[in-house]
Amino acid sequence: MTRPPPRGFPEAEHRARLALVQAAMAAEGLAALLLTTEPEIRWITGFLTRFWESPTRPWFLVVPAQGDPVAVIPSIGAELMRATWIRDVWTWSSPDYADDGVSLLAATLAERTPPDAGIGTPMGRESLLRMPLGDWHALADRIGRRRFRDDRGIMRALRMVKSEAEIDKIAAACAVAGRAFARAPEILIPGRPLSEVFRRFQILCLEEGADQVPYLAGGAAPGGYGDVISPASDRPLERGDVAMLDAGLSRDGYFADFDRNWSLGPPAPEVAEAHARLVEAADAAAGLARPGATPADLFHAMRAVLGGGELDVGRLGHGLGMQLTEPPSLIAADLTPLRPGMVLTLEPSIPLGPGRMLVHEEVIVVREDGPRFLSPRIGPEIPAI
């Protein structure tokens, strides 16, 4: 087994990211960026904690046009933030129902920006504001002539292209998932409820090196499953079922996200053919995944193989990294030029009749000389158990 990369990143990695952000800010005339979400704050600082699961406390990072970022965070996070490379850490006791960090954040912005500054914050697709809307309005009232504006996609564009260190972490997470999938026949036993299979598969993922399994989906039914987002039922597996598990596990803050299908007993001819077409569709998209191509190109390549028989699931893949799904989306409308370092999932799906379907998913990274699969390669034959 290949040794996984060391946990975390050296300070130089984070400073390189900061330099990219500040160069983009200069081009957009921004005096600062205000970040409020876990992946954006972690991408710059390295602040990794599961405490974000609590929605009670807001967290802020101010990135000035020059100099180091300033963390404005609840006091409970001070020790962990100071263990990162960030040295300027301002705290308050949270939750504070009267003033939950608003005045402290306003003072920080006033200290680090000129009176008429433009302060960027992500406002585009797949962005969100992780603070109460009332506090956002109160903050805007307290910063004088300074004004918040869209960051013009700075964080979105930079995070889509992974560094080599990030790619290594995603590859390590995919290797964990691959080992867990290789052991899936141990738990896919006729008579065992699918809900029990889900629990046991999460254990396999943890045994093979996952830190957590925030997302696990799948299905099992004769000749194909009905959807890929429902909770696992207590229905026992039966011979003749097609079973699928889709593992969204993470290791050191980076995700793997791909699935595998199995036939319990010899597969029906239509199941075997559908599985082969899905693998062919993913391979066709991967063959086009070079710098300058677009997500739309990959989308159309998969549709061409599927012959118009694909399901209307909205997209046929997405970006992957610190989040289970990231931009871009593999849809006809996404014309984002692919760049080396982008990590993508390829996720074609095909109907097998009323209430039956099959989905296949892989993970690739875009390289100058062609894609590299981060998920273990498989052949067109659906494994039979």
Protein backbone atom coordinates (compact mmCIF):
# COMPACT_ATOMS: atom_id res chain seq x y z
CA MET A 1 0.00 0.00 0.00
CA THR A 2 1.35 3.44 -0.96
CA ARG A 3 2.10 5.59 2.04
CA PRO A 4 -0.48 8.44 2.27
CA PRO A 5 0.76 12.04 2.24
CA PRO A 6 1.50 13.78 5.55
CA ARG A 7 -1.46 15.42 7.21
CA GLY A 8 -1.96 19.12 6.71
CA PHE A 9 0.14 21.40 4.52
CA PRO A 10 3.35 23.32 5.07
CA GLU A 11 3.01 27.06 5.57
CA ALA A 12 4.50 27.62 2.11
CA GLU A 13 1.45 25.95 0.52
CA HIS A 14 -0.93 28.34 2.28
CA ARG A 15 1.22 31.37 1.49
CA ALA A 16 1.22 30.38 -2.18
CA ARG A 17 -2.58 30.29 -2.09
CA LEU A 18 -2.65 33.70 -0.37
CA ALA A 19 -0.42 35.15 -3.09
CA LEU A 20 -2.84 33.92 -5.76
CA VAL A 21 -5.79 35.42 -3.90
CA GLN A 22 -4.13 38.80 -3.39
CA ALA A 23 -3.02 39.00 -7.02
CA ALA A 24 -6.60 38.37 -8.11
CA MET A 25 -7.87 40.93 -5.59
CA ALA A 26 -5.50 43.54 -7.02
CA ALA A 27 -6.85 42.89 -10.51
CA GLU A 28 -10.40 43.43 -9.22
CA GLY A 29 -9.57 46.49 -7.10
CA LEU A 30 -10.56 44.87 -3.82
CA ALA A 31 -9.13 46.13 -0.54
CA ALA A 32 -10.07 42.95 1.32
CA LEU A 33 -11.96 39.69 1.12
CA LEU A 34 -14.39 38.57 3.81
CA LEU A 35 -14.77 34.78 4.00
CA THR A 36 -17.33 33.01 6.18
CA THR A 37 -17.50 29.37 5.04
CA GLU A 38 -15.51 26.34 6.17
CA PRO A 39 -13.82 25.34 2.87
CA GLU A 40 -12.75 28.87 1.98
CA ILE A 41 -11.39 29.62 5.44
CA ARG A 42 -9.66 26.23 5.60
CA TRP A 43 -8.19 26.58 2.10
CA ILE A 44 -6.27 29.66 3.20
CA THR A 45 -5.59 28.89 6.86
CA GLY A 46 -5.52 25.11 7.26
CA PHE A 47 -8.11 25.38 10.07
CA LEU A 48 -9.57 21.85 10.06
CA THR A 49 -12.24 20.94 12.60
CA ARG A 50 -15.59 19.18 12.72
CA PHE A 51 -16.89 21.97 14.92
CA TRP A 52 -18.42 23.56 11.83
CA GLU A 53 -21.21 21.00 12.24
CA SER A 54 -22.63 23.36 14.85
CA PRO A 55 -24.51 26.21 13.15
CA THR A 56 -24.57 28.38 16.27
CA ARG A 57 -21.32 30.30 15.91
CA PRO A 58 -20.18 32.39 12.92
CA TRP A 59 -16.52 32.39 11.82
CA PHE A 60 -14.77 35.07 9.78
CA LEU A 61 -11.52 35.50 7.88
CA VAL A 62 -10.41 38.87 6.56
CA VAL A 63 -7.89 38.74 3.73
CA PRO A 64 -6.36 42.20 3.19
CA ALA A 65 -4.90 43.38 -0.10
CA GLN A 66 -1.43 43.18 1.46
CA GLY A 67 -0.20 41.29 4.47
CA ASP A 68 -1.44 38.21 6.29
CA PRO A 69 -5.08 37.25 6.90
CA VAL A 70 -6.86 38.08 10.14
CA ALA A 71 -9.07 35.49 11.81
CA VAL A 72 -12.08 36.91 13.66
CA ILE A 73 -13.48 33.88 15.42
CA PRO A 74 -15.22 32.62 18.56
CA SER A 75 -12.84 32.18 21.46
CA ILE A 76 -13.45 28.41 21.51
CA GLY A 77 -11.45 28.17 18.26
CA ALA A 78 -8.50 30.35 19.24
CA GLU A 79 -6.07 27.59 20.21
CA LEU A 80 -6.65 25.58 17.04
CA MET A 81 -6.44 28.64 14.78
CA ARG A 82 -3.16 29.70 16.43
CA ALA A 83 -1.81 26.22 15.70
CA THR A 84 -2.07 27.09 12.00
CA TRP A 85 0.18 29.65 10.30
CA ILE A 86 -2.27 32.47 11.14
CA ARG A 87 -0.90 34.75 13.85
CA ASP A 88 -3.45 37.60 13.90
CA VAL A 89 -6.43 36.08 15.71
CA TRP A 90 -9.19 38.23 17.20
CA THR A 91 -11.80 36.50 19.36
CA TRP A 92 -15.03 37.08 21.21
CA SER A 93 -17.11 34.92 23.54
CA SER A 94 -19.74 33.27 21.35
CA PRO A 95 -22.66 32.85 21.20
CA ASP A 96 -23.39 36.45 22.12
CA TYR A 97 -27.05 37.22 21.48
CA ALA A 98 -26.45 40.99 21.56
CA ASP A 99 -23.36 41.18 19.33
CA ASP A 100 -22.04 37.91 17.92
CA GLY A 101 -18.78 39.21 16.51
CA VAL A 102 -20.30 42.00 14.41
CA SER A 103 -18.58 44.93 16.12
CA LEU A 104 -15.25 43.08 16.29
CA LEU A 105 -15.42 42.22 12.60
CA ALA A 106 -16.39 45.80 11.70
CA ALA A 107 -13.39 47.10 13.68
CA THR A 108 -11.09 44.64 11.91
CA LEU A 109 -12.31 45.73 8.49
CA ALA A 110 -11.96 49.39 9.44
CA GLU A 111 -8.41 48.84 10.61
CA ARG A 112 -7.33 46.90 7.49
CA THR A 113 -9.05 48.86 4.70
CA PRO A 114 -9.38 52.51 3.61
CA PRO A 115 -12.64 54.36 4.33
CA ASP A 116 -14.04 53.94 0.80
CA ALA A 117 -12.87 50.36 0.28
CA GLY A 118 -14.52 47.71 -1.79
CA ILE A 119 -14.66 44.49 0.24
CA GLY A 120 -15.29 41.32 -1.72
CA THR A 121 -17.16 38.25 -0.60
CA PRO A 122 -18.29 35.24 -2.66
CA MET A 123 -21.77 35.88 -4.05
CA GLY A 124 -21.93 33.65 -7.12
CA ARG A 125 -22.91 30.07 -7.82
CA GLU A 126 -22.49 27.54 -5.01
CA SER A 127 -21.62 30.27 -2.51
CA LEU A 128 -23.37 31.01 0.75
CA LEU A 129 -23.17 33.44 3.63
CA ARG A 130 -22.58 31.61 6.89
CA MET A 131 -23.80 34.26 9.31
CA PRO A 132 -27.26 35.53 10.22
CA LEU A 133 -28.67 37.82 7.56
CA GLY A 134 -29.59 40.37 10.22
CA ASP A 135 -25.96 40.48 11.37
CA TRP A 136 -24.85 40.92 7.74
CA HIS A 137 -27.04 44.02 7.44
CA ALA A 138 -25.80 45.30 10.81
CA LEU A 139 -22.20 44.82 9.67
CA ALA A 140 -22.85 46.77 6.47
CA ASP A 141 -24.22 49.63 8.58
CA ARG A 142 -21.09 49.71 10.76
CA ILE A 143 -18.36 49.94 8.12
CA GLY A 144 -18.99 53.52 7.02
CA ARG A 145 -18.50 54.21 3.32
CA ARG A 146 -16.97 50.79 2.73
CA ARG A 147 -19.13 48.55 0.59
CA PHE A 148 -19.43 44.82 0.11
CA ARG A 149 -19.34 43.51 -3.44
CA ASP A 150 -19.07 40.25 -5.31
CA ASP A 151 -15.56 38.81 -5.30
CA ARG A 152 -16.07 38.16 -9.04
CA GLY A 153 -15.49 34.45 -8.56
CA ILE A 154 -11.94 34.74 -7.19
CA MET A 155 -12.28 31.97 -4.63
CA ARG A 156 -14.35 29.78 -6.93
CA ALA A 157 -11.81 29.94 -9.74
CA LEU A 158 -8.76 29.40 -7.54
CA ARG A 159 -10.21 26.49 -5.60
CA MET A 160 -11.21 24.67 -8.79
CA VAL A 161 -7.52 24.16 -9.67
CA LYS A 162 -5.84 21.92 -7.13
CA SER A 163 -2.18 22.06 -6.17
CA GLU A 164 -0.10 18.89 -6.39
CA ALA A 165 -0.33 18.57 -2.61
CA GLU A 166 -4.13 18.73 -2.77
CA ILE A 167 -4.24 16.18 -5.59
CA ASP A 168 -2.14 13.83 -3.47
CA LYS A 169 -4.70 14.09 -0.67
CA ILE A 170 -7.64 13.41 -2.99
CA ALA A 171 -5.74 10.45 -4.45
CA ALA A 172 -5.16 9.11 -0.93
CA ALA A 173 -8.88 9.41 -0.14
CA CYS A 174 -9.72 7.61 -3.40
CA ALA A 175 -7.28 4.83 -2.50
CA VAL A 176 -9.10 4.39 0.81
CA ALA A 177 -12.42 4.12 -1.02
CA GLY A 178 -10.92 1.68 -3.51
CA ARG A 179 -9.76 -0.64 -0.75
CA ALA A 180 -13.18 -0.47 0.93
CA PHE A 181 -14.94 -1.25 -2.36
CA ALA A 182 -12.63 -4.23 -2.89
CA ARG A 183 -13.94 -5.63 0.39
CA ALA A 184 -17.60 -4.96 -0.36
CA PRO A 185 -18.31 -8.61 -1.31
CA GLU A 186 -17.64 -9.40 2.36
CA ILE A 187 -20.85 -7.54 3.30
CA LEU A 188 -23.08 -7.89 0.21
CA ILE A 189 -24.77 -11.04 1.43
CA PRO A 190 -28.29 -12.15 0.41
CA GLY A 191 -30.60 -11.86 3.39
CA ARG A 192 -28.75 -8.88 4.88
CA PRO A 193 -30.77 -5.63 4.98
CA LEU A 194 -29.39 -2.81 2.88
CA SER A 195 -29.35 -0.59 5.97
CA GLU A 196 -26.96 -3.05 7.62
CA VAL A 197 -24.81 -3.09 4.46
CA PHE A 198 -24.55 0.70 4.69
CA ARG A 199 -23.43 0.53 8.32
CA ARG A 200 -20.88 -2.19 7.62
CA PHE A 201 -19.52 -0.39 4.56
CA GLN A 202 -18.88 2.74 6.60
CA ILE A 203 -16.92 0.56 9.02
CA LEU A 204 -14.89 -0.80 6.09
CA CYS A 205 -14.10 2.75 4.99
CA LEU A 206 -12.93 3.67 8.48
CA GLU A 207 -10.87 0.49 8.76
CA GLU A 208 -9.16 1.29 5.46
CA GLY A 209 -8.17 4.80 6.56
CA ALA A 210 -11.09 7.21 6.20
CA ASP A 211 -11.44 9.89 8.85
CA GLN A 212 -15.18 10.05 8.30
CA VAL A 213 -17.89 9.04 5.83
CA PRO A 214 -20.14 12.10 5.60
CA TYR A 215 -21.96 10.80 2.54
CA LEU A 216 -23.00 7.28 1.63
CA ALA A 217 -25.69 6.54 -0.90
CA GLY A 218 -26.72 3.54 -2.92
CA GLY A 219 -29.46 1.09 -3.64
CA ALA A 220 -30.29 -2.52 -4.30
CA ALA A 221 -33.18 -4.07 -6.22
CA PRO A 222 -33.81 -6.62 -8.95
CA GLY A 223 -32.49 -5.47 -12.32
CA GLY A 224 -31.45 -2.03 -11.08
CA TYR A 225 -32.29 0.43 -8.32
CA GLY A 226 -34.83 3.23 -8.25
CA ASP A 227 -32.66 6.20 -7.29
CA VAL A 228 -29.31 7.03 -5.71
CA ILE A 229 -30.25 9.46 -2.94
CA SER A 230 -32.76 7.57 -0.77
CA PRO A 231 -31.80 6.38 2.72
CA ALA A 232 -31.06 2.68 2.94
CA SER A 233 -34.13 0.55 3.54
CA ASP A 234 -34.39 -2.53 5.71
CA ARG A 235 -35.24 -4.69 2.71
CA PRO A 236 -32.95 -7.77 2.69
CA LEU A 237 -30.68 -8.26 -0.30
CA GLU A 238 -31.81 -10.98 -2.69
CA ARG A 239 -30.16 -13.00 -5.39
CA GLY A 240 -30.81 -11.16 -8.68
CA ASP A 241 -30.38 -7.73 -7.10
CA VAL A 242 -28.10 -5.08 -8.51
CA ALA A 243 -26.41 -3.32 -5.59
CA MET A 244 -24.62 0.03 -5.73
CA LEU A 245 -22.63 1.93 -3.10
CA ASP A 246 -21.53 5.55 -3.59
CA ALA A 247 -18.86 6.54 -1.08
CA GLY A 248 -18.27 10.16 -0.18
CA LEU A 249 -15.54 9.67 2.40
CA SER A 250 -12.87 12.09 3.53
CA ARG A 251 -9.30 11.82 4.70
CA ASP A 252 -7.40 14.83 6.06
CA GLY A 253 -10.14 17.15 4.86
CA TYR A 254 -10.30 15.98 1.21
CA PHE A 255 -12.96 13.82 -0.39
CA ALA A 256 -13.23 10.74 -2.53
CA ASP A 257 -16.52 10.38 -4.40
CA PHE A 258 -17.16 7.46 -6.71
CA ASP A 259 -19.39 4.40 -6.82
CA ARG A 260 -19.33 0.74 -7.72
CA ASN A 261 -22.05 -1.72 -8.82
CA TRP A 262 -22.37 -5.45 -8.19
CA SER A 263 -24.75 -8.15 -9.37
CA LEU A 264 -25.82 -10.66 -6.76
CA GLY A 265 -25.61 -13.70 -8.95
CA PRO A 266 -25.18 -13.65 -12.74
CA PRO A 267 -26.29 -10.28 -14.16
CA ALA A 268 -29.23 -10.03 -16.52
CA PRO A 269 -28.11 -9.24 -20.10
CA GLU A 270 -29.57 -5.71 -19.99
CA VAL A 271 -27.74 -5.00 -16.71
CA ALA A 272 -24.44 -6.25 -18.11
CA GLU A 273 -24.89 -4.15 -21.26
CA ALA A 274 -25.88 -1.02 -19.31
CA HIS A 275 -22.86 -1.32 -17.03
CA ALA A 276 -20.54 -1.67 -20.03
CA ARG A 277 -22.05 1.43 -21.65
CA LEU A 278 -21.65 3.46 -18.48
CA VAL A 279 -17.96 2.56 -18.22
CA GLU A 280 -17.57 3.38 -21.92
CA ALA A 281 -19.28 6.75 -21.39
CA ALA A 282 -16.99 7.66 -18.50
CA ASP A 283 -13.94 6.61 -20.52
CA ALA A 284 -15.12 8.71 -23.48
CA ALA A 285 -15.42 11.79 -21.28
CA ALA A 286 -12.04 11.13 -19.70
CA GLY A 287 -10.50 10.94 -23.16
CA LEU A 288 -11.56 14.55 -23.78
CA ALA A 289 -10.52 15.88 -20.37
CA ARG A 290 -7.58 17.99 -21.46
CA PRO A 291 -6.73 21.65 -20.91
CA GLY A 292 -8.96 23.86 -23.03
CA ALA A 293 -11.86 21.42 -23.18
CA THR A 294 -14.99 22.28 -21.21
CA PRO A 295 -17.34 20.43 -18.85
CA ALA A 296 -19.90 20.71 -21.64
CA ASP A 297 -17.60 18.72 -23.94
CA LEU A 298 -17.42 15.91 -21.39
CA PHE A 299 -21.18 16.03 -20.85
CA HIS A 300 -21.87 15.67 -24.58
CA ALA A 301 -19.31 12.85 -24.90
CA MET A 302 -21.15 10.83 -22.26
CA ARG A 303 -24.54 11.56 -23.81
CA ALA A 304 -23.29 10.39 -27.19
CA VAL A 305 -22.29 7.00 -25.80
CA LEU A 306 -25.54 6.67 -23.89
CA GLY A 307 -27.44 7.37 -27.10
CA GLY A 308 -29.97 9.69 -25.53
CA GLY A 309 -30.89 7.07 -22.95
CA GLU A 310 -29.47 8.94 -20.00
CA LEU A 311 -31.58 9.99 -17.03
CA ASP A 312 -32.45 13.60 -16.31
CA VAL A 313 -30.35 13.97 -13.17
CA GLY A 314 -29.23 17.53 -13.96
CA ARG A 315 -25.54 16.84 -14.47
CA LEU A 316 -23.15 14.01 -15.27
CA GLY A 317 -20.38 14.88 -12.84
CA HIS A 318 -18.79 17.70 -10.88
CA GLY A 319 -15.66 19.03 -9.26
CA LEU A 320 -14.23 17.39 -6.15
CA GLY A 321 -11.88 18.43 -3.38
CA MET A 322 -12.44 19.86 0.09
CA GLN A 323 -16.16 19.43 -0.54
CA LEU A 324 -18.02 16.40 -1.79
CA THR A 325 -19.22 18.41 -4.77
CA GLU A 326 -17.56 21.52 -6.11
CA PRO A 327 -17.71 23.47 -9.35
CA PRO A 328 -17.67 22.98 -12.26
CA SER A 329 -20.80 21.05 -13.17
CA LEU A 330 -20.74 18.67 -16.12
CA ILE A 331 -23.71 20.15 -17.94
CA ALA A 332 -24.24 21.52 -21.43
CA ALA A 333 -24.19 25.11 -20.18
CA ASP A 334 -20.85 24.97 -18.31
CA LEU A 335 -18.15 26.32 -20.62
CA THR A 336 -15.43 26.71 -17.98
CA PRO A 337 -12.10 25.93 -19.69
CA LEU A 338 -10.50 22.92 -18.06
CA ARG A 339 -7.08 23.54 -16.56
CA PRO A 340 -4.37 21.19 -15.31
CA GLY A 341 -5.07 20.34 -11.69
CA MET A 342 -8.85 20.29 -11.91
CA VAL A 343 -10.30 17.18 -10.24
CA LEU A 344 -13.58 15.96 -11.69
CA THR A 345 -16.05 13.15 -11.20
CA LEU A 346 -17.58 11.51 -14.28
CA GLU A 347 -21.05 10.24 -13.40
CA PRO A 348 -23.17 8.90 -16.26
CA SER A 349 -26.48 7.20 -15.53
CA ILE A 350 -28.84 5.10 -17.62
CA PRO A 351 -32.46 3.90 -17.25
CA LEU A 352 -33.21 0.19 -17.26
CA GLY A 353 -37.00 0.38 -17.27
CA PRO A 354 -39.71 1.88 -15.04
CA GLY A 355 -38.24 2.57 -11.63
CA ARG A 356 -34.87 1.02 -12.48
CA MET A 357 -31.54 2.63 -13.26
CA LEU A 358 -27.76 2.20 -13.12
CA VAL A 359 -25.15 4.85 -12.25
CA HIS A 360 -21.38 4.75 -12.56
CA GLU A 361 -18.87 7.27 -11.21
CA GLU A 362 -15.11 7.80 -11.50
CA VAL A 363 -12.63 10.47 -10.39
CA ILE A 364 -10.00 12.00 -12.68
CA VAL A 365 -7.50 14.84 -12.54
CA VAL A 366 -6.84 16.94 -15.64
CA ARG A 367 -3.20 16.93 -16.79
CA GLU A 368 -1.39 18.58 -19.68
CA ASP A 369 -0.80 15.22 -21.34
CA GLY A 370 -4.20 13.72 -20.59
CA PRO A 371 -6.24 12.72 -17.57
CA ARG A 372 -5.15 10.53 -14.70
CA PHE A 373 -7.70 8.34 -12.95
CA LEU A 374 -7.64 8.79 -9.17
CA SER A 375 -10.30 6.12 -8.63
CA PRO A 376 -9.11 2.57 -9.34
CA ARG A 377 -9.82 1.59 -12.97
CA ILE A 378 -12.40 -1.09 -13.62
CA GLY A 379 -13.42 -3.02 -16.71
CA PRO A 380 -16.79 -3.02 -18.44
CA GLU A 381 -17.99 -6.23 -16.77
CA ILE A 382 -20.19 -5.74 -13.71
CA PRO A 383 -18.76 -7.81 -10.84
CA ALA A 384 -20.94 -10.75 -9.90
CA ILE A 385 -21.06 -11.99 -6.32
